[in-house]
Amino acid sequence: MDVDPDRFNKSDYASKLKKGIEAIVEQEGPIAEELLITRIKTGHGWRKAGNKIRSRVSKLTAGIKNTKFQGEKFYWQKNVRFI
């Protein structure tokens, strides 16, 4: 994914960012939400993830399979089946 920190909150960057998020989940899943946010944050060269980053990632993960365990959300690959 070609990252562009200056475009992070722009609407035209959403599809690129969503594809990047999906690629991380497919590669590393199941992945905790905090670790996913860390991957996005560090990939963009930031040291901290504030509310804007968290909110953006949260919106773009809608539709990705997830579960909660001990209060933390985990994202899963597309091919995982839940019984």
Protein backbone atom coordinates (compact mmCIF):
# COMPACT_ATOMS: atom_id res chain seq x y z
CA MET A 1 0.00 0.00 0.00
CA ASP A 2 1.31 3.42 -0.89
CA VAL A 3 0.62 5.49 2.19
CA ASP A 4 -0.10 9.20 2.11
CA PRO A 5 -0.33 10.65 5.63
CA ASP A 6 -1.52 14.00 4.30
CA ARG A 7 -4.56 12.39 2.65
CA PHE A 8 -5.52 10.10 5.57
CA ASN A 9 -8.82 11.86 6.30
CA LYS A 10 -9.69 12.70 2.69
CA SER A 11 -12.62 10.85 1.11
CA ASP A 12 -10.62 9.90 -1.99
CA TYR A 13 -8.09 8.05 0.20
CA ALA A 14 -10.72 5.86 1.89
CA SER A 15 -10.71 3.07 -0.69
CA LYS A 16 -6.89 2.84 -0.68
CA LEU A 17 -6.83 2.83 3.13
CA LYS A 18 -9.59 0.19 3.30
CA LYS A 19 -7.64 -2.06 0.90
CA GLY A 20 -4.58 -1.61 3.10
CA ILE A 21 -6.56 -2.52 6.21
CA GLU A 22 -8.00 -5.59 4.47
CA ALA A 23 -4.50 -6.64 3.37
CA ILE A 24 -3.22 -6.38 6.95
CA VAL A 25 -6.15 -8.45 8.23
CA GLU A 26 -5.64 -11.09 5.54
CA GLN A 27 -1.92 -11.29 6.30
CA GLU A 28 -1.99 -11.12 10.10
CA GLY A 29 -5.51 -12.08 11.14
CA PRO A 30 -6.90 -12.73 13.53
CA ILE A 31 -5.56 -9.37 14.57
CA ALA A 32 -6.53 -7.30 17.59
CA GLU A 33 -8.00 -3.89 16.83
CA GLU A 34 -5.23 -2.16 18.79
CA LEU A 35 -2.55 -3.93 16.77
CA LEU A 36 -4.33 -3.08 13.52
CA ILE A 37 -4.43 0.58 14.55
CA THR A 38 -0.73 0.38 15.43
CA ARG A 39 0.06 -1.03 11.97
CA ILE A 40 -1.86 1.80 10.28
CA LYS A 41 -0.35 4.43 12.58
CA THR A 42 3.26 3.34 12.15
CA GLY A 43 2.79 2.71 8.44
CA HIS A 44 1.86 6.37 8.09
CA GLY A 45 4.81 7.48 10.19
CA TRP A 46 2.86 8.56 13.26
CA ARG A 47 3.82 7.87 16.86
CA LYS A 48 0.35 8.20 18.36
CA ALA A 49 -3.14 7.21 17.29
CA GLY A 50 -5.70 9.75 18.43
CA ASN A 51 -9.47 9.73 18.13
CA LYS A 52 -9.46 10.77 14.47
CA ILE A 53 -7.27 7.85 13.43
CA ARG A 54 -9.21 5.39 15.58
CA SER A 55 -12.53 6.64 14.24
CA ARG A 56 -11.35 6.41 10.63
CA VAL A 57 -10.06 2.87 11.08
CA SER A 58 -13.27 1.89 12.88
CA LYS A 59 -15.42 3.16 10.01
CA LEU A 60 -13.30 1.42 7.40
CA THR A 61 -13.37 -1.93 9.19
CA ALA A 62 -17.16 -2.14 8.98
CA GLY A 63 -17.99 -5.34 7.15
CA ILE A 64 -14.79 -7.15 8.14
CA LYS A 65 -15.48 -10.27 10.20
CA ASN A 66 -14.79 -9.63 13.84
CA THR A 67 -15.28 -11.06 17.29
CA LYS A 68 -14.77 -9.77 20.79
CA PHE A 69 -12.70 -11.57 23.37
CA GLN A 70 -12.17 -10.20 26.85
CA GLY A 71 -13.37 -6.78 25.71
CA GLU A 72 -11.07 -6.50 22.69
CA LYS A 73 -12.17 -6.68 19.07
CA PHE A 74 -10.35 -9.05 16.70
CA TYR A 75 -10.56 -8.98 12.91
CA TRP A 76 -10.51 -12.17 10.88
CA GLN A 77 -9.62 -13.19 7.33
CA LYS A 78 -12.38 -13.56 4.76
CA ASN A 79 -12.03 -17.33 4.48
CA VAL A 80 -12.58 -18.00 8.20
CA ARG A 81 -15.89 -19.62 9.02
CA PHE A 82 -17.52 -19.21 12.40
CA ILE A 83 -19.53 -22.10 13.76
